[in-house]
C-alpha atoms as a PDB file:
ATOM      1  CA  MET A   1     -26.450  35.491  17.013  1.00  0.00           C
ATOM      2  CA  ALA A   2     -24.856  32.112  16.340  1.00  0.00           C
ATOM      3  CA  ALA A   3     -25.098  29.457  19.015  1.00  0.00           C
ATOM      4  CA  PRO A   4     -21.846  28.773  20.848  1.00  0.00           C
ATOM      5  CA  ARG A   5     -19.801  25.938  19.419  1.00  0.00           C
ATOM      6  CA  ALA A   6     -20.071  22.640  21.251  1.00  0.00           C
ATOM      7  CA  ASN A   7     -17.020  21.662  23.260  1.00  0.00           C
ATOM      8  CA  LEU A   8     -15.974  18.740  25.425  1.00  0.00           C
ATOM      9  CA  LYS A   9     -17.655  20.234  28.473  1.00  0.00           C
ATOM     10  CA  THR A  10     -21.027  20.742  26.797  1.00  0.00           C
ATOM     11  CA  LEU A  11     -20.915  17.225  25.337  1.00  0.00           C
ATOM     12  CA  ALA A  12     -20.040  15.798  28.764  1.00  0.00           C
ATOM     13  CA  GLU A  13     -22.883  17.673  30.453  1.00  0.00           C
ATOM     14  CA  HIS A  14     -25.360  16.578  27.789  1.00  0.00           C
ATOM     15  CA  LEU A  15     -24.349  12.916  28.108  1.00  0.00           C
ATOM     16  CA  GLY A  16     -23.828  12.853  31.863  1.00  0.00           C
ATOM     17  CA  LEU A  17     -20.216  11.747  31.442  1.00  0.00           C
ATOM     18  CA  SER A  18     -16.904  13.162  32.558  1.00  0.00           C
ATOM     19  CA  VAL A  19     -14.903  15.371  30.202  1.00  0.00           C
ATOM     20  CA  THR A  20     -12.090  12.804  30.344  1.00  0.00           C
ATOM     21  CA  THR A  21     -14.400   9.983  29.231  1.00  0.00           C
ATOM     22  CA  VAL A  22     -15.762  12.066  26.363  1.00  0.00           C
ATOM     23  CA  SER A  23     -12.271  13.004  25.243  1.00  0.00           C
ATOM     24  CA  ARG A  24     -11.074   9.402  25.311  1.00  0.00           C
ATOM     25  CA  ALA A  25     -14.198   8.166  23.542  1.00  0.00           C
ATOM     26  CA  LEU A  26     -13.668  10.615  20.696  1.00  0.00           C
ATOM     27  CA  LYS A  27     -10.167   9.138  20.266  1.00  0.00           C
ATOM     28  CA  ASP A  28     -11.433   5.533  20.374  1.00  0.00           C
ATOM     29  CA  GLY A  29      -9.644   4.955  23.642  1.00  0.00           C
ATOM     30  CA  PRO A  30      -9.444   1.201  24.410  1.00  0.00           C
ATOM     31  CA  GLU A  31     -10.429   1.847  28.032  1.00  0.00           C
ATOM     32  CA  VAL A  32     -13.857   3.184  26.950  1.00  0.00           C
ATOM     33  CA  ARG A  33     -16.697   0.769  26.235  1.00  0.00           C
ATOM     34  CA  PRO A  34     -17.739   0.542  22.552  1.00  0.00           C
ATOM     35  CA  GLU A  35     -21.314   1.574  23.308  1.00  0.00           C
ATOM     36  CA  THR A  36     -20.049   4.697  25.099  1.00  0.00           C
ATOM     37  CA  ILE A  37     -17.802   5.568  22.171  1.00  0.00           C
ATOM     38  CA  ALA A  38     -20.742   5.221  19.796  1.00  0.00           C
ATOM     39  CA  LYS A  39     -22.974   7.406  22.024  1.00  0.00           C
ATOM     40  CA  VAL A  40     -20.313  10.122  22.345  1.00  0.00           C
ATOM     41  CA  LYS A  41     -19.606  10.204  18.612  1.00  0.00           C
ATOM     42  CA  ALA A  42     -23.301  10.370  17.805  1.00  0.00           C
ATOM     43  CA  ALA A  43     -23.701  13.357  20.109  1.00  0.00           C
ATOM     44  CA  ALA A  44     -20.604  15.018  18.662  1.00  0.00           C
ATOM     45  CA  ALA A  45     -22.061  14.690  15.172  1.00  0.00           C
ATOM     46  CA  GLU A  46     -25.463  15.953  16.335  1.00  0.00           C
ATOM     47  CA  PHE A  47     -24.035  19.064  17.988  1.00  0.00           C
ATOM     48  CA  GLY A  48     -21.424  19.711  15.306  1.00  0.00           C
ATOM     49  CA  TYR A  49     -18.492  19.249  17.671  1.00  0.00           C
ATOM     50  CA  VAL A  50     -15.119  20.085  16.146  1.00  0.00           C
ATOM     51  CA  PRO A  51     -12.023  20.053  18.338  1.00  0.00           C
ATOM     52  CA  ASN A  52     -10.105  23.273  18.843  1.00  0.00           C
ATOM     53  CA  ILE A  53      -6.875  22.195  17.165  1.00  0.00           C
ATOM     54  CA  GLY A  54      -4.971  25.115  18.628  1.00  0.00           C
ATOM     55  CA  GLY A  55      -6.106  24.152  22.104  1.00  0.00           C
ATOM     56  CA  VAL A  56      -5.268  20.502  21.524  1.00  0.00           C
ATOM     57  CA  HIS A  57      -1.792  21.493  20.393  1.00  0.00           C
ATOM     58  CA  LEU A  58      -1.240  23.671  23.460  1.00  0.00           C
ATOM     59  CA  ARG A  59      -2.452  20.961  25.829  1.00  0.00           C
ATOM     60  CA  THR A  60      -0.845  17.918  24.235  1.00  0.00           C
ATOM     61  CA  GLY A  61       1.679  19.089  21.661  1.00  0.00           C
ATOM     62  CA  ARG A  62      -0.190  17.165  18.981  1.00  0.00           C
ATOM     63  CA  THR A  63      -0.719  18.679  15.524  1.00  0.00           C
ATOM     64  CA  MET A  64      -3.743  16.440  14.738  1.00  0.00           C
ATOM     65  CA  LYS A  65      -2.146  15.739  11.357  1.00  0.00           C
ATOM     66  CA  ILE A  66      -0.840  12.561   9.718  1.00  0.00           C
ATOM     67  CA  CYS A  67       1.664  12.918   6.876  1.00  0.00           C
ATOM     68  CA  SER A  68       1.655  10.514   3.942  1.00  0.00           C
ATOM     69  CA  ILE A  69       4.773  10.776   1.796  1.00  0.00           C
ATOM     70  CA  LEU A  70       4.355  10.526  -1.952  1.00  0.00           C
ATOM     71  CA  TYR A  71       7.228   9.352  -4.138  1.00  0.00           C
ATOM     72  CA  ALA A  72       6.650  11.996  -6.806  1.00  0.00           C
ATOM     73  CA  PRO A  73       8.768  10.562  -9.676  1.00  0.00           C
ATOM     74  CA  GLU A  74       6.349   7.615  -9.995  1.00  0.00           C
ATOM     75  CA  VAL A  75       3.142   9.607 -10.149  1.00  0.00           C
ATOM     76  CA  GLY A  76       3.297  10.566 -13.807  1.00  0.00           C
ATOM     77  CA  ASP A  77       3.957   7.006 -14.896  1.00  0.00           C
ATOM     78  CA  TYR A  78       1.813   4.662 -12.859  1.00  0.00           C
ATOM     79  CA  GLY A  79       1.300   5.665  -9.259  1.00  0.00           C
ATOM     80  CA  ASP A  80      -1.248   8.460  -9.422  1.00  0.00           C
ATOM     81  CA  PRO A  81      -4.630   6.631  -9.550  1.00  0.00           C
ATOM     82  CA  ALA A  82      -3.628   3.989  -7.015  1.00  0.00           C
ATOM     83  CA  PHE A  83      -2.121   6.535  -4.658  1.00  0.00           C
ATOM     84  CA  LEU A  84      -5.177   8.799  -4.875  1.00  0.00           C
ATOM     85  CA  ALA A  85      -7.497   5.895  -4.030  1.00  0.00           C
ATOM     86  CA  GLN A  86      -5.296   5.120  -1.036  1.00  0.00           C
ATOM     87  CA  VAL A  87      -5.259   8.783   0.034  1.00  0.00           C
ATOM     88  CA  GLU A  88      -9.042   9.044  -0.147  1.00  0.00           C
ATOM     89  CA  SER A  89      -9.671   6.040   2.104  1.00  0.00           C
ATOM     90  CA  LEU A  90      -6.824   7.036   4.436  1.00  0.00           C
ATOM     91  CA  SER A  91      -8.299  10.503   4.866  1.00  0.00           C
ATOM     92  CA  ASN A  92     -11.779   9.064   5.435  1.00  0.00           C
ATOM     93  CA  GLY A  93     -10.392   6.735   8.072  1.00  0.00           C
ATOM     94  CA  LEU A  94      -8.699   9.551   9.972  1.00  0.00           C
ATOM     95  CA  GLU A  95     -11.614  11.992   9.969  1.00  0.00           C
ATOM     96  CA  PRO A  96     -13.687  10.340  12.743  1.00  0.00           C
ATOM     97  CA  ALA A  97     -10.723  10.856  15.091  1.00  0.00           C
ATOM     98  CA  PHE A  98     -10.461  14.518  13.954  1.00  0.00           C
ATOM     99  CA  TYR A  99      -7.102  13.945  12.302  1.00  0.00           C
ATOM    100  CA  ASN A 100      -6.268  15.646   9.033  1.00  0.00           C
ATOM    101  CA  LEU A 101      -4.162  14.095   6.296  1.00  0.00           C
ATOM    102  CA  MET A 102      -1.343  16.006   4.655  1.00  0.00           C
ATOM    103  CA  VAL A 103       0.697  14.764   1.681  1.00  0.00           C
ATOM    104  CA  LEU A 104       4.374  15.602   1.334  1.00  0.00           C
ATOM    105  CA  ALA A 105       6.235  14.816  -1.872  1.00  0.00           C
ATOM    106  CA  GLN A 106       9.647  13.221  -2.124  1.00  0.00           C
ATOM    107  CA  THR A 107      10.923  14.845  -5.307  1.00  0.00           C
ATOM    108  CA  ALA A 108      13.484  13.436  -7.718  1.00  0.00           C
ATOM    109  CA  GLY A 109      16.216  15.536  -6.115  1.00  0.00           C
ATOM    110  CA  GLN A 110      15.564  14.268  -2.590  1.00  0.00           C
ATOM    111  CA  GLY A 111      16.636  11.152  -0.781  1.00  0.00           C
ATOM    112  CA  PRO A 112      14.012   8.976   0.928  1.00  0.00           C
ATOM    113  CA  LEU A 113      14.947  10.291   4.380  1.00  0.00           C
ATOM    114  CA  ASP A 114      14.652  13.992   3.495  1.00  0.00           C
ATOM    115  CA  PRO A 115      10.844  14.397   3.767  1.00  0.00           C
ATOM    116  CA  VAL A 116      10.677  12.252   6.900  1.00  0.00           C
ATOM    117  CA  ARG A 117      13.354  14.335   8.569  1.00  0.00           C
ATOM    118  CA  LYS A 118      11.436  17.473   7.539  1.00  0.00           C
ATOM    119  CA  VAL A 119       8.262  16.218   9.236  1.00  0.00           C
ATOM    120  CA  LEU A 120      10.113  15.552  12.478  1.00  0.00           C
ATOM    121  CA  ASP A 121      12.300  18.664  12.467  1.00  0.00           C
ATOM    122  CA  GLN A 122       9.421  21.025  11.702  1.00  0.00           C
ATOM    123  CA  ARG A 123       6.860  19.092  13.782  1.00  0.00           C
ATOM    124  CA  LEU A 124       4.492  18.974  10.826  1.00  0.00           C
ATOM    125  CA  ALA A 125       2.580  15.862  11.898  1.00  0.00           C
ATOM    126  CA  ASP A 126       2.109  13.353  14.696  1.00  0.00           C
ATOM    127  CA  ALA A 127       2.922  10.343  12.532  1.00  0.00           C
ATOM    128  CA  VAL A 128       4.184   9.529   9.041  1.00  0.00           C
ATOM    129  CA  ILE A 129       3.284   6.964   6.406  1.00  0.00           C
ATOM    130  CA  PHE A 130       5.719   5.973   3.680  1.00  0.00           C
ATOM    131  CA  SER A 131       6.117   3.260   1.066  1.00  0.00           C
ATOM    132  CA  ARG A 132       8.906   1.792  -1.122  1.00  0.00           C
ATOM    133  CA  THR A 133      10.535   0.182   1.901  1.00  0.00           C
ATOM    134  CA  GLN A 134      13.971  -1.432   1.800  1.00  0.00           C
ATOM    135  CA  PRO A 135      15.228  -4.224   4.081  1.00  0.00           C
ATOM    136  CA  GLN A 136      17.385  -1.780   6.077  1.00  0.00           C
ATOM    137  CA  ASP A 137      15.112   1.194   5.578  1.00  0.00           C
ATOM    138  CA  ALA A 138      16.738   4.431   6.749  1.00  0.00           C
ATOM    139  CA  ARG A 139      13.376   6.152   7.339  1.00  0.00           C
ATOM    140  CA  ALA A 140      12.081   3.363   9.564  1.00  0.00           C
ATOM    141  CA  ALA A 141      15.366   3.268  11.498  1.00  0.00           C
ATOM    142  CA  TYR A 142      15.283   7.065  11.894  1.00  0.00           C
ATOM    143  CA  CYS A 143      11.737   7.017  13.314  1.00  0.00           C
ATOM    144  CA  LEU A 144      12.458   4.045  15.570  1.00  0.00           C
ATOM    145  CA  GLU A 145      15.525   5.762  17.038  1.00  0.00           C
ATOM    146  CA  ARG A 146      13.420   8.837  17.850  1.00  0.00           C
ATOM    147  CA  ASP A 147      10.326   6.911  18.978  1.00  0.00           C
ATOM    148  CA  PHE A 148       8.260   8.720  16.337  1.00  0.00           C
ATOM    149  CA  PRO A 149       5.063   6.961  15.221  1.00  0.00           C
ATOM    150  CA  PHE A 150       5.021   5.652  11.656  1.00  0.00           C
ATOM    151  CA  VAL A 151       3.343   3.022   9.518  1.00  0.00           C
ATOM    152  CA  SER A 152       5.143   1.728   6.468  1.00  0.00           C
ATOM    153  CA  PHE A 153       3.418   0.466   3.372  1.00  0.00           C
ATOM    154  CA  GLY A 154       5.830  -2.415   2.985  1.00  0.00           C
ATOM    155  CA  ARG A 155       8.027  -4.438   5.312  1.00  0.00           C
ATOM    156  CA  THR A 156      11.647  -4.104   6.394  1.00  0.00           C
ATOM    157  CA  ALA A 157      14.208  -6.502   7.871  1.00  0.00           C
ATOM    158  CA  LEU A 158      14.914  -4.277  10.885  1.00  0.00           C
ATOM    159  CA  PRO A 159      15.034  -6.156  14.211  1.00  0.00           C
ATOM    160  CA  THR A 160      12.784  -3.706  16.076  1.00  0.00           C
ATOM    161  CA  PRO A 161       9.078  -4.407  15.433  1.00  0.00           C
ATOM    162  CA  HIS A 162       7.180  -1.632  13.689  1.00  0.00           C
ATOM    163  CA  ALA A 163       3.717  -1.138  12.245  1.00  0.00           C
ATOM    164  CA  TYR A 164       3.185  -1.927   8.575  1.00  0.00           C
ATOM    165  CA  ILE A 165       0.700  -2.872   5.893  1.00  0.00           C
ATOM    166  CA  ASP A 166       1.949  -5.013   3.030  1.00  0.00           C
ATOM    167  CA  HIS A 167       0.777  -7.189   0.179  1.00  0.00           C
ATOM    168  CA  ASP A 168       1.562 -10.885   0.195  1.00  0.00           C
ATOM    169  CA  ASP A 169       3.846 -10.701  -2.841  1.00  0.00           C
ATOM    170  CA  GLU A 170       5.710 -13.869  -1.971  1.00  0.00           C
ATOM    171  CA  GLY A 171       2.499 -15.866  -1.661  1.00  0.00           C
ATOM    172  CA  ALA A 172       0.991 -14.382  -4.808  1.00  0.00           C
ATOM    173  CA  VAL A 173       4.054 -15.042  -6.972  1.00  0.00           C
ATOM    174  CA  PHE A 174       4.251 -18.575  -5.569  1.00  0.00           C
ATOM    175  CA  ASP A 175       0.586 -19.084  -6.493  1.00  0.00           C
ATOM    176  CA  ALA A 176       1.063 -17.600  -9.977  1.00  0.00           C
ATOM    177  CA  VAL A 177       4.177 -19.627 -10.829  1.00  0.00           C
ATOM    178  CA  THR A 178       2.706 -22.823  -9.366  1.00  0.00           C
ATOM    179  CA  ALA A 179      -0.364 -22.388 -11.585  1.00  0.00           C
ATOM    180  CA  LEU A 180       1.810 -21.730 -14.635  1.00  0.00           C
ATOM    181  CA  ILE A 181       3.895 -24.842 -13.975  1.00  0.00           C
ATOM    182  CA  ARG A 182       0.722 -26.872 -13.515  1.00  0.00           C
ATOM    183  CA  ASP A 183      -0.430 -25.628 -16.934  1.00  0.00           C
ATOM    184  CA  GLY A 184       2.772 -26.879 -18.528  1.00  0.00           C
ATOM    185  CA  HIS A 185       4.974 -23.781 -18.525  1.00  0.00           C
ATOM    186  CA  ARG A 186       8.634 -24.293 -17.674  1.00  0.00           C
ATOM    187  CA  ARG A 187      10.314 -21.191 -19.090  1.00  0.00           C
ATOM    188  CA  ILE A 188       8.809 -18.534 -16.821  1.00  0.00           C
ATOM    189  CA  ALA A 189      10.348 -15.062 -16.574  1.00  0.00           C
ATOM    190  CA  LEU A 190      10.116 -12.981 -13.398  1.00  0.00           C
ATOM    191  CA  LEU A 191      10.173  -9.243 -14.125  1.00  0.00           C
ATOM    192  CA  ASN A 192      11.142  -7.221 -11.063  1.00  0.00           C
ATOM    193  CA  PRO A 193      11.614  -3.446 -10.762  1.00  0.00           C
ATOM    194  CA  THR A 194      14.990  -2.023  -9.898  1.00  0.00           C
ATOM    195  CA  GLY A 195      15.618  -0.284  -6.568  1.00  0.00           C
ATOM    196  CA  GLY A 196      16.342  -2.997  -4.008  1.00  0.00           C
ATOM    197  CA  LEU A 197      12.931  -2.749  -2.340  1.00  0.00           C
ATOM    198  CA  THR A 198      11.903  -5.373   0.202  1.00  0.00           C
ATOM    199  CA  TYR A 199       9.021  -6.770  -1.824  1.00  0.00           C
ATOM    200  CA  LEU A 200      11.315  -7.585  -4.746  1.00  0.00           C
ATOM    201  CA  GLY A 201      13.153 -10.119  -2.619  1.00  0.00           C
ATOM    202  CA  LEU A 202       9.842 -11.544  -1.432  1.00  0.00           C
ATOM    203  CA  ARG A 203       8.675 -11.938  -5.029  1.00  0.00           C
ATOM    204  CA  GLU A 204      11.840 -13.819  -5.925  1.00  0.00           C
ATOM    205  CA  GLN A 205      11.440 -16.056  -2.862  1.00  0.00           C
ATOM    206  CA  GLY A 206       7.953 -16.985  -4.036  1.00  0.00           C
ATOM    207  CA  TYR A 207       9.250 -17.684  -7.547  1.00  0.00           C
ATOM    208  CA  ARG A 208      12.088 -19.912  -6.337  1.00  0.00           C
ATOM    209  CA  ARG A 209       9.845 -21.692  -3.851  1.00  0.00           C
ATOM    210  CA  ALA A 210       7.371 -22.611  -6.612  1.00  0.00           C
ATOM    211  CA  PHE A 211      10.114 -24.107  -8.782  1.00  0.00           C
ATOM    212  CA  GLU A 212      11.567 -25.974  -5.813  1.00  0.00           C
ATOM    213  CA  ALA A 213       8.145 -27.390  -4.900  1.00  0.00           C
ATOM    214  CA  ALA A 214       7.781 -28.635  -8.481  1.00  0.00           C
ATOM    215  CA  GLY A 215      11.266 -30.166  -8.476  1.00  0.00           C
ATOM    216  CA  LEU A 216      12.406 -27.892 -11.305  1.00  0.00           C
ATOM    217  CA  PRO A 217      15.608 -25.840 -11.619  1.00  0.00           C
ATOM    218  CA  VAL A 218      15.575 -22.052 -11.724  1.00  0.00           C
ATOM    219  CA  ASP A 219      17.252 -20.423 -14.711  1.00  0.00           C
ATOM    220  CA  PRO A 220      18.874 -17.174 -13.420  1.00  0.00           C
ATOM    221  CA  ALA A 221      18.715 -15.753 -16.953  1.00  0.00           C
ATOM    222  CA  LEU A 222      14.925 -15.518 -16.588  1.00  0.00           C
ATOM    223  CA  LEU A 223      15.157 -13.221 -13.562  1.00  0.00           C
ATOM    224  CA  ARG A 224      15.114  -9.717 -15.036  1.00  0.00           C
ATOM    225  CA  LEU A 225      15.259  -6.229 -13.521  1.00  0.00           C
ATOM    226  CA  ALA A 226      13.962  -3.062 -15.181  1.00  0.00           C
ATOM    227  CA  PRO A 227      12.795   0.378 -14.035  1.00  0.00           C
ATOM    228  CA  LEU A 228       9.063   0.413 -13.384  1.00  0.00           C
ATOM    229  CA  SER A 229       7.776   1.962 -16.601  1.00  0.00           C
ATOM    230  CA  VAL A 230       6.044   0.761 -19.751  1.00  0.00           C
ATOM    231  CA  ARG A 231       9.035   1.514 -21.966  1.00  0.00           C
ATOM    232  CA  ALA A 232      11.605  -0.134 -19.696  1.00  0.00           C
ATOM    233  CA  HIS A 233       9.570  -3.315 -19.357  1.00  0.00           C
ATOM    234  CA  ARG A 234       8.768  -3.416 -23.062  1.00  0.00           C
ATOM    235  CA  GLU A 235      12.488  -3.231 -23.815  1.00  0.00           C
ATOM    236  CA  ALA A 236      13.283  -5.845 -21.153  1.00  0.00           C
ATOM    237  CA  VAL A 237      10.747  -8.313 -22.554  1.00  0.00           C
ATOM    238  CA  MET A 238      11.845  -7.713 -26.142  1.00  0.00           C
ATOM    239  CA  ALA A 239      15.447  -8.405 -25.122  1.00  0.00           C
ATOM    240  CA  LEU A 240      14.333 -11.513 -23.255  1.00  0.00           C
ATOM    241  CA  LEU A 241      12.375 -12.796 -26.267  1.00  0.00           C
ATOM    242  CA  ALA A 242      15.404 -12.239 -28.476  1.00  0.00           C
ATOM    243  CA  GLU A 243      17.800 -13.995 -26.096  1.00  0.00           C
ATOM    244  CA  ALA A 244      15.466 -16.740 -24.861  1.00  0.00           C
ATOM    245  CA  PRO A 245      12.637 -17.231 -27.381  1.00  0.00           C
ATOM    246  CA  SER A 246      11.543 -20.386 -25.554  1.00  0.00           C
ATOM    247  CA  VAL A 247      10.046 -18.269 -22.711  1.00  0.00           C
ATOM    248  CA  THR A 248       6.281 -18.842 -22.522  1.00  0.00           C
ATOM    249  CA  ALA A 249       5.229 -16.868 -19.426  1.00  0.00           C
ATOM    250  CA  PHE A 250       6.005 -13.474 -17.900  1.00  0.00           C
ATOM    251  CA  VAL A 251       5.295 -12.629 -14.261  1.00  0.00           C
ATOM    252  CA  GLY A 252       5.270  -8.833 -14.086  1.00  0.00           C
ATOM    253  CA  ALA A 253       5.245  -6.449 -11.147  1.00  0.00           C
ATOM    254  CA  ASN A 254       2.398  -4.011 -11.737  1.00  0.00           C
ATOM    255  CA  GLN A 255       0.137  -2.499 -14.382  1.00  0.00           C
ATOM    256  CA  MET A 256       2.940  -0.813 -16.286  1.00  0.00           C
ATOM    257  CA  SER A 257       4.994  -3.985 -16.491  1.00  0.00           C
ATOM    258  CA  VAL A 258       1.928  -5.772 -17.855  1.00  0.00           C
ATOM    259  CA  VAL A 259       1.413  -3.145 -20.543  1.00  0.00           C
ATOM    260  CA  GLY A 260       5.124  -3.168 -21.409  1.00  0.00           C
ATOM    261  CA  ALA A 261       5.170  -6.973 -21.695  1.00  0.00           C
ATOM    262  CA  LEU A 262       2.081  -6.997 -23.910  1.00  0.00           C
ATOM    263  CA  GLU A 263       3.531  -4.313 -26.179  1.00  0.00           C
ATOM    264  CA  ALA A 264       6.698  -6.387 -26.603  1.00  0.00           C
ATOM    265  CA  ILE A 265       4.700  -9.537 -27.337  1.00  0.00           C
ATOM    266  CA  ILE A 266       2.581  -7.782 -29.969  1.00  0.00           C
ATOM    267  CA  GLU A 267       5.505  -5.912 -31.529  1.00  0.00           C
ATOM    268  CA  THR A 268       7.399  -9.173 -32.018  1.00  0.00           C
ATOM    269  CA  GLY A 269       4.438 -10.710 -33.821  1.00  0.00           C
ATOM    270  CA  ARG A 270       3.316 -12.929 -30.986  1.00  0.00           C
ATOM    271  CA  ASP A 271      -0.094 -13.374 -29.384  1.00  0.00           C
ATOM    272  CA  THR A 272      -1.007 -14.650 -25.912  1.00  0.00           C
ATOM    273  CA  GLY A 273      -3.880 -16.703 -27.264  1.00  0.00           C
ATOM    274  CA  ARG A 274      -2.463 -18.085 -30.489  1.00  0.00           C
ATOM    275  CA  ASP A 275       1.029 -18.766 -29.119  1.00  0.00           C
ATOM    276  CA  GLY A 276       0.030 -19.946 -25.652  1.00  0.00           C
ATOM    277  CA  LEU A 277       1.912 -17.165 -23.898  1.00  0.00           C
ATOM    278  CA  ARG A 278       0.893 -16.061 -20.417  1.00  0.00           C
ATOM    279  CA  VAL A 279       1.256 -12.671 -18.741  1.00  0.00           C
ATOM    280  CA  VAL A 280       0.684 -12.183 -15.001  1.00  0.00           C
ATOM    281  CA  GLY A 281       0.348  -8.787 -13.335  1.00  0.00           C
ATOM    282  CA  PHE A 282      -0.159  -7.323  -9.869  1.00  0.00           C
ATOM    283  CA  GLY A 283      -1.648  -4.078  -8.641  1.00  0.00           C
ATOM    284  CA  GLY A 284      -4.244  -1.982  -6.912  1.00  0.00           C
ATOM    285  CA  MET A 285      -5.678  -0.124  -9.896  1.00  0.00           C
ATOM    286  CA  PRO A 286      -9.059  -1.488 -11.001  1.00  0.00           C
ATOM    287  CA  PHE A 287      -8.731  -1.450 -14.767  1.00  0.00           C
ATOM    288  CA  ARG A 288     -10.024  -3.670 -17.575  1.00  0.00           C
ATOM    289  CA  MET A 289      -8.071  -4.824 -20.585  1.00  0.00           C
ATOM    290  CA  LEU A 290      -9.237  -3.239 -23.819  1.00  0.00           C
ATOM    291  CA  SER A 291      -7.333  -5.680 -26.040  1.00  0.00           C
ATOM    292  CA  ASP A 292      -7.792  -9.367 -26.798  1.00  0.00           C
ATOM    293  CA  GLN A 293      -4.633 -10.327 -24.911  1.00  0.00           C
ATOM    294  CA  LYS A 294      -5.218 -12.484 -21.837  1.00  0.00           C
ATOM    295  CA  VAL A 295      -3.707 -11.354 -18.509  1.00  0.00           C
ATOM    296  CA  VAL A 296      -3.999 -13.008 -15.103  1.00  0.00           C
ATOM    297  CA  TYR A 297      -4.163 -10.243 -12.516  1.00  0.00           C
ATOM    298  CA  TYR A 298      -3.534 -10.273  -8.760  1.00  0.00           C
ATOM    299  CA  TYR A 299      -5.573  -7.424  -7.343  1.00  0.00           C
ATOM    300  CA  GLN A 300      -5.425  -5.608  -4.004  1.00  0.00           C
ATOM    301  CA  PRO A 301      -7.676  -2.506  -3.745  1.00  0.00           C
ATOM    302  CA  GLN A 302      -5.740   0.505  -2.539  1.00  0.00           C
ATOM    303  CA  ARG A 303      -8.844   1.769  -0.744  1.00  0.00           C
ATOM    304  CA  ARG A 304      -8.524  -1.227   1.550  1.00  0.00           C
ATOM    305  CA  VAL A 305      -4.860  -0.397   2.139  1.00  0.00           C
ATOM    306  CA  GLY A 306      -5.673   3.229   2.965  1.00  0.00           C
ATOM    307  CA  ALA A 307      -8.347   2.247   5.474  1.00  0.00           C
ATOM    308  CA  LEU A 308      -5.931  -0.081   7.282  1.00  0.00           C
ATOM    309  CA  LEU A 309      -3.163   2.523   7.272  1.00  0.00           C
ATOM    310  CA  ALA A 310      -5.559   4.888   9.047  1.00  0.00           C
ATOM    311  CA  GLU A 311      -6.502   2.220  11.597  1.00  0.00           C
ATOM    312  CA  HIS A 312      -2.877   1.399  12.350  1.00  0.00           C
ATOM    313  CA  CYS A 313      -1.883   5.064  12.649  1.00  0.00           C
ATOM    314  CA  LEU A 314      -4.668   5.873  15.088  1.00  0.00           C
ATOM    315  CA  ALA A 315      -3.928   2.758  17.111  1.00  0.00           C
ATOM    316  CA  LEU A 316      -0.263   3.760  17.396  1.00  0.00           C
ATOM    317  CA  LEU A 317      -1.205   7.240  18.551  1.00  0.00           C
ATOM    318  CA  ASN A 318      -3.449   5.652  21.182  1.00  0.00           C
ATOM    319  CA  GLY A 319      -0.543   3.635  22.550  1.00  0.00           C
ATOM    320  CA  ALA A 320      -0.939   0.274  20.807  1.00  0.00           C
ATOM    321  CA  ASP A 321       2.067  -2.034  20.521  1.00  0.00           C
ATOM    322  CA  PRO A 322       3.542  -1.780  16.986  1.00  0.00           C
ATOM    323  CA  ALA A 323       4.195  -5.530  16.998  1.00  0.00           C
ATOM    324  CA  GLY A 324       0.426  -6.049  16.927  1.00  0.00           C
ATOM    325  CA  LEU A 325      -0.039  -3.712  13.963  1.00  0.00           C
ATOM    326  CA  GLN A 326       1.539  -5.773  11.193  1.00  0.00           C
ATOM    327  CA  THR A 327      -0.859  -6.739   8.418  1.00  0.00           C
ATOM    328  CA  VAL A 328      -0.104  -8.713   5.250  1.00  0.00           C
ATOM    329  CA  LEU A 329      -2.978  -8.611   2.767  1.00  0.00           C
ATOM    330  CA  PRO A 330      -3.608 -11.448   0.293  1.00  0.00           C
ATOM    331  CA  TYR A 331      -4.274 -10.622  -3.337  1.00  0.00           C
ATOM    332  CA  THR A 332      -7.421 -11.604  -5.201  1.00  0.00           C
ATOM    333  CA  ARG A 333      -6.626 -13.591  -8.353  1.00  0.00           C
ATOM    334  CA  ILE A 334      -8.467 -12.409 -11.473  1.00  0.00           C
ATOM    335  CA  GLU A 335      -8.259 -15.181 -14.060  1.00  0.00           C
ATOM    336  CA  ASP A 336      -8.797 -12.958 -17.084  1.00  0.00           C
ATOM    337  CA  LEU A 337      -8.407  -9.201 -16.952  1.00  0.00           C
ATOM    338  CA  ARG A 338     -10.545  -8.849 -20.081  1.00  0.00           C
ATOM    339  CA  ARG A 339     -13.589  -9.701 -17.961  1.00  0.00           C
ATOM    340  CA  PHE A 340     -12.578  -7.745 -14.870  1.00  0.00           C
ATOM    341  CA  ARG A 341     -15.355  -5.709 -13.258  1.00  0.00           C
ATOM    342  CA  ILE A 342     -15.237  -3.640 -10.072  1.00  0.00           C
ATOM    343  CA  ASN A 343     -17.627  -5.047  -7.511  1.00  0.00           C
ATOM    344  CA  GLU A 344     -18.181  -5.188  -3.784  1.00  0.00           C
ATOM    345  CA  GLU A 345     -16.605  -8.611  -3.486  1.00  0.00           C
ATOM    346  CA  LEU A 346     -13.270  -7.095  -4.569  1.00  0.00           C
ATOM    347  CA  GLY A 347     -13.483  -4.388  -1.936  1.00  0.00           C
ATOM    348  CA  GLU A 348     -14.491  -1.486  -4.141  1.00  0.00           C
END
């Protein structure tokens, strides 16, 4: 006959603590001392404690689920590996608090608000995570109006503080363009995706700030928009090279824009080494160039992002102030993607 499953009462009796203290410790309650939390979690692991989710739901109304929303149209082109790395670390970060991660897709036929509204209407999860934020993001506004916990991967311009994780795109573009100007480049193109997302404006701010700091004018013709795909960015760079052949540097948005820019450079008979051209990319996918073309890469591991998303979500659910859960992560500059290796220093 199998031994009875450990519960809060048996853990409390074993540790000589109250059931309330054990319960709060398992949820990383800020009112519980760290050493007590560690002792309770060690005992829970030893005795194989698993919360009765049905009982938790009846007592608290919580589902013990967090929903991460995937923008499905991007997965086939460039988002899949980065998103999966983020999902893995997010799920790992939630497990110690006995939360489960569910992923809900926003399909091509849906608006951004549709999956968020579904989570709330059907009570599928206790909090949501979403990306591709806009300055006046309808999903963030919807959750704020209903006091529903959420963490956005990206910032908004909404006046009410909310929890978010973001990359420092403004700072990274400023750093990239400043370095290019220092190396003698003056005709520098900024390639931004379409869609009106918040980070696109931040990237342009960094670009303009670098030119202003150098006392140089900005040529609006070098600010280009294209859908985030290899083909679209290849076509955009080929058009740019035809219209403005004096361009010597291209600041892309992510891996696909880098590949598209390099394809255009090669197809037009140019070479980054021979012709002194520079390509700059950004992203969270740890990949290494297999060609001889030089690329400067600003890297932010998506595993790090996922871990912080989990931390912020759990803190929100434990009553933390959203204004204190706003993290902007700096990129790591990789001088030459041809020599890029994954290592512990880069967070992998």
